[in-house]
Amino acid sequence: MAEPSLQQGLLEMATIGAQSFLWLATVVALLAGLAGAAFGIWSLRPVPDYSSARIRVSSPFGVTFRVENTSAWFALSHLKISCVLTNPEMVVDVEGLPVRVEPGETATFHCPFRGISGDLDAILRAKLYFRSEYDLPVLDSFRLTDTRGPFVLDTKTLPPRWTAKPAKD
């Protein structure tokens, strides 16, 4: 049996190299596609968005808050919200929330802070955060957590309301 010529050997090596490169490019494209699909699915997850009604009662903490499900596809299931107040530091769990907040729907709640003094300076320095937990869509055994805030009492709006604190430039 005769040995292959140099040209045949180089052609065989080029073919194997091209197949290896094609295999590698296929694997990279597949991984990129999976990562893109995972990112797309993750961006469809439900995310709560918070806003406050105007303050009508004497206490700025007696306000009604709204949570909106910003997802167009998935519900916020088994939603649990904790209100976290700084200055004075307090954490309270919200009760009476619906079991599900459907896509695009809102639910209202109150942060049941009790025994907060009427010190206006402390109230104006206070920051409010919302920590929420809810089930991951489709995989109900996993819980997602989301923290939003800080919200501050905006006395420049009439009537005053809790608004998201603008980011400093």
Protein backbone atom coordinates (compact mmCIF):
# COMPACT_ATOMS: atom_id res chain seq x y z
CA MET A 1 0.00 0.00 0.00
CA ALA A 2 1.44 3.33 -1.06
CA GLU A 3 1.67 6.28 1.26
CA PRO A 4 -0.62 9.20 0.43
CA SER A 5 1.02 12.14 -1.22
CA LEU A 6 1.71 15.37 0.63
CA GLN A 7 -1.16 17.06 -1.17
CA GLN A 8 -3.60 14.30 -0.17
CA GLY A 9 -2.41 14.50 3.47
CA LEU A 10 -2.86 18.25 3.57
CA LEU A 11 -6.30 17.96 1.98
CA GLU A 12 -7.32 15.38 4.58
CA MET A 13 -6.04 17.59 7.42
CA ALA A 14 -7.92 20.61 5.99
CA THR A 15 -11.13 18.57 5.80
CA ILE A 16 -10.81 17.44 9.43
CA GLY A 17 -9.99 21.03 10.49
CA ALA A 18 -13.01 22.40 8.62
CA GLN A 19 -15.27 19.78 10.22
CA SER A 20 -13.89 20.67 13.67
CA PHE A 21 -14.43 24.38 13.01
CA LEU A 22 -17.98 23.71 11.79
CA TRP A 23 -18.68 21.62 14.90
CA LEU A 24 -17.30 24.36 17.16
CA ALA A 25 -19.33 27.07 15.37
CA THR A 26 -22.47 24.93 15.74
CA VAL A 27 -21.89 24.48 19.47
CA VAL A 28 -21.25 28.23 19.97
CA ALA A 29 -24.38 29.13 17.98
CA LEU A 30 -26.44 26.63 19.97
CA LEU A 31 -25.16 28.01 23.29
CA ALA A 32 -25.84 31.59 22.13
CA GLY A 33 -29.35 30.59 21.08
CA LEU A 34 -30.02 28.94 24.45
CA ALA A 35 -28.67 31.99 26.30
CA GLY A 36 -30.86 34.30 24.17
CA ALA A 37 -33.92 32.14 24.78
CA ALA A 38 -33.21 32.07 28.52
CA PHE A 39 -32.82 35.86 28.57
CA GLY A 40 -36.06 36.27 26.60
CA ILE A 41 -38.00 34.00 28.95
CA TRP A 42 -36.48 35.72 32.01
CA SER A 43 -37.52 39.13 30.67
CA LEU A 44 -41.14 37.89 30.45
CA ARG A 45 -41.25 37.08 34.18
CA PRO A 46 -43.71 39.09 36.25
CA VAL A 47 -42.21 42.09 38.03
CA PRO A 48 -44.13 44.13 40.60
CA ASP A 49 -44.25 47.92 40.23
CA TYR A 50 -45.32 50.13 43.12
CA SER A 51 -47.06 53.48 43.38
CA SER A 52 -48.85 55.39 46.10
CA ALA A 53 -52.20 57.06 46.29
CA ARG A 54 -52.32 60.59 47.58
CA ILE A 55 -52.15 61.08 51.31
CA ARG A 56 -55.56 61.98 52.71
CA VAL A 57 -55.33 61.08 56.37
CA SER A 58 -53.23 62.68 59.05
CA SER A 59 -50.53 60.01 59.02
CA PRO A 60 -48.30 59.77 55.94
CA PHE A 61 -48.13 56.03 56.60
CA GLY A 62 -51.91 55.55 56.36
CA VAL A 63 -51.74 55.74 52.58
CA THR A 64 -52.96 53.17 50.08
CA PHE A 65 -50.25 51.66 47.90
CA ARG A 66 -50.74 49.87 44.60
CA VAL A 67 -48.75 46.96 43.23
CA GLU A 68 -49.01 46.37 39.50
CA ASN A 69 -47.99 43.24 37.64
CA THR A 70 -45.98 44.57 34.69
CA SER A 71 -45.88 41.23 32.88
CA ALA A 72 -48.14 40.73 29.90
CA TRP A 73 -47.87 36.95 30.17
CA PHE A 74 -47.55 35.65 33.73
CA ALA A 75 -49.36 36.26 37.02
CA LEU A 76 -47.75 37.17 40.33
CA SER A 77 -48.63 34.03 42.29
CA HIS A 78 -48.56 33.76 46.08
CA LEU A 79 -47.39 37.36 46.42
CA LYS A 80 -46.02 38.37 49.80
CA ILE A 81 -45.01 41.99 50.41
CA SER A 82 -43.03 43.39 53.32
CA CYS A 83 -42.84 47.12 53.93
CA VAL A 84 -39.43 48.19 55.18
CA LEU A 85 -39.19 51.63 56.75
CA THR A 86 -35.94 53.36 57.68
CA ASN A 87 -35.80 56.06 60.34
CA PRO A 88 -37.34 54.57 62.45
CA GLU A 89 -36.42 51.07 61.34
CA MET A 90 -39.48 48.86 61.01
CA VAL A 91 -40.44 45.85 58.91
CA VAL A 92 -44.08 44.83 58.59
CA ASP A 93 -45.73 42.19 56.45
CA VAL A 94 -48.76 43.17 54.40
CA GLU A 95 -51.85 41.06 54.91
CA GLY A 96 -54.93 40.63 52.77
CA LEU A 97 -53.21 40.54 49.37
CA PRO A 98 -54.89 38.49 46.64
CA VAL A 99 -53.43 35.04 45.93
CA ARG A 100 -52.76 36.06 42.31
CA VAL A 101 -52.29 39.37 40.56
CA GLU A 102 -53.01 38.68 36.91
CA PRO A 103 -50.93 40.21 34.07
CA GLY A 104 -51.48 43.97 33.84
CA GLU A 105 -53.70 44.05 36.95
CA THR A 106 -53.17 45.97 40.17
CA ALA A 107 -53.86 45.26 43.82
CA THR A 108 -53.99 47.73 46.69
CA PHE A 109 -52.50 47.36 50.15
CA HIS A 110 -51.58 49.30 53.28
CA CYS A 111 -48.35 49.13 55.24
CA PRO A 112 -49.61 48.59 58.79
CA PHE A 113 -47.02 50.69 60.63
CA ARG A 114 -48.11 51.23 64.21
CA GLY A 115 -46.86 53.54 66.92
CA ILE A 116 -44.83 55.91 64.75
CA SER A 117 -44.38 59.27 66.39
CA GLY A 118 -45.56 62.42 64.68
CA ASP A 119 -42.02 63.82 64.39
CA LEU A 120 -42.23 65.57 61.00
CA ASP A 121 -38.44 65.69 60.59
CA ALA A 122 -38.15 61.92 61.06
CA ILE A 123 -41.02 61.31 58.65
CA LEU A 124 -39.42 63.50 55.97
CA ARG A 125 -36.11 61.63 56.34
CA ALA A 126 -37.77 58.22 56.26
CA LYS A 127 -37.30 55.91 53.30
CA LEU A 128 -39.69 53.15 52.38
CA TYR A 129 -38.77 49.93 50.57
CA PHE A 130 -41.01 47.13 49.35
CA ARG A 131 -39.66 43.59 49.47
CA SER A 132 -41.81 41.12 47.58
CA GLU A 133 -41.68 37.36 47.16
CA TYR A 134 -43.68 35.41 44.61
CA ASP A 135 -43.63 32.11 42.73
CA LEU A 136 -41.62 31.70 39.58
CA PRO A 137 -44.07 31.14 36.69
CA VAL A 138 -44.40 27.52 35.58
CA LEU A 139 -42.01 26.34 38.34
CA ASP A 140 -44.06 27.12 41.44
CA SER A 141 -41.54 25.52 43.77
CA PHE A 142 -39.06 28.37 43.20
CA ARG A 143 -39.63 31.81 44.76
CA LEU A 144 -38.44 35.11 43.29
CA THR A 145 -37.62 38.09 45.47
CA ASP A 146 -37.68 41.72 44.42
CA THR A 147 -36.80 44.83 46.41
CA ARG A 148 -37.98 48.24 45.20
CA GLY A 149 -37.16 51.59 46.63
CA PRO A 150 -36.33 53.80 48.24
CA PHE A 151 -39.57 55.72 48.20
CA VAL A 152 -39.61 59.09 49.94
CA LEU A 153 -42.41 61.37 50.99
CA ASP A 154 -42.65 63.99 48.23
CA THR A 155 -44.09 67.13 49.80
CA LYS A 156 -43.65 69.10 46.55
CA THR A 157 -46.66 67.36 45.02
CA LEU A 158 -50.11 68.35 46.18
CA PRO A 159 -51.36 66.34 47.89
CA PRO A 160 -48.12 64.73 49.07
CA ARG A 161 -47.40 61.12 48.06
CA TRP A 162 -44.68 58.53 48.32
CA THR A 163 -42.55 58.57 45.16
CA ALA A 164 -39.44 56.75 44.02
CA LYS A 165 -36.35 58.65 45.07
CA PRO A 166 -34.60 59.93 41.95
CA ALA A 167 -31.11 58.60 41.33
CA LYS A 168 -28.32 61.09 41.94
CA ASP A 169 -26.36 62.08 38.87
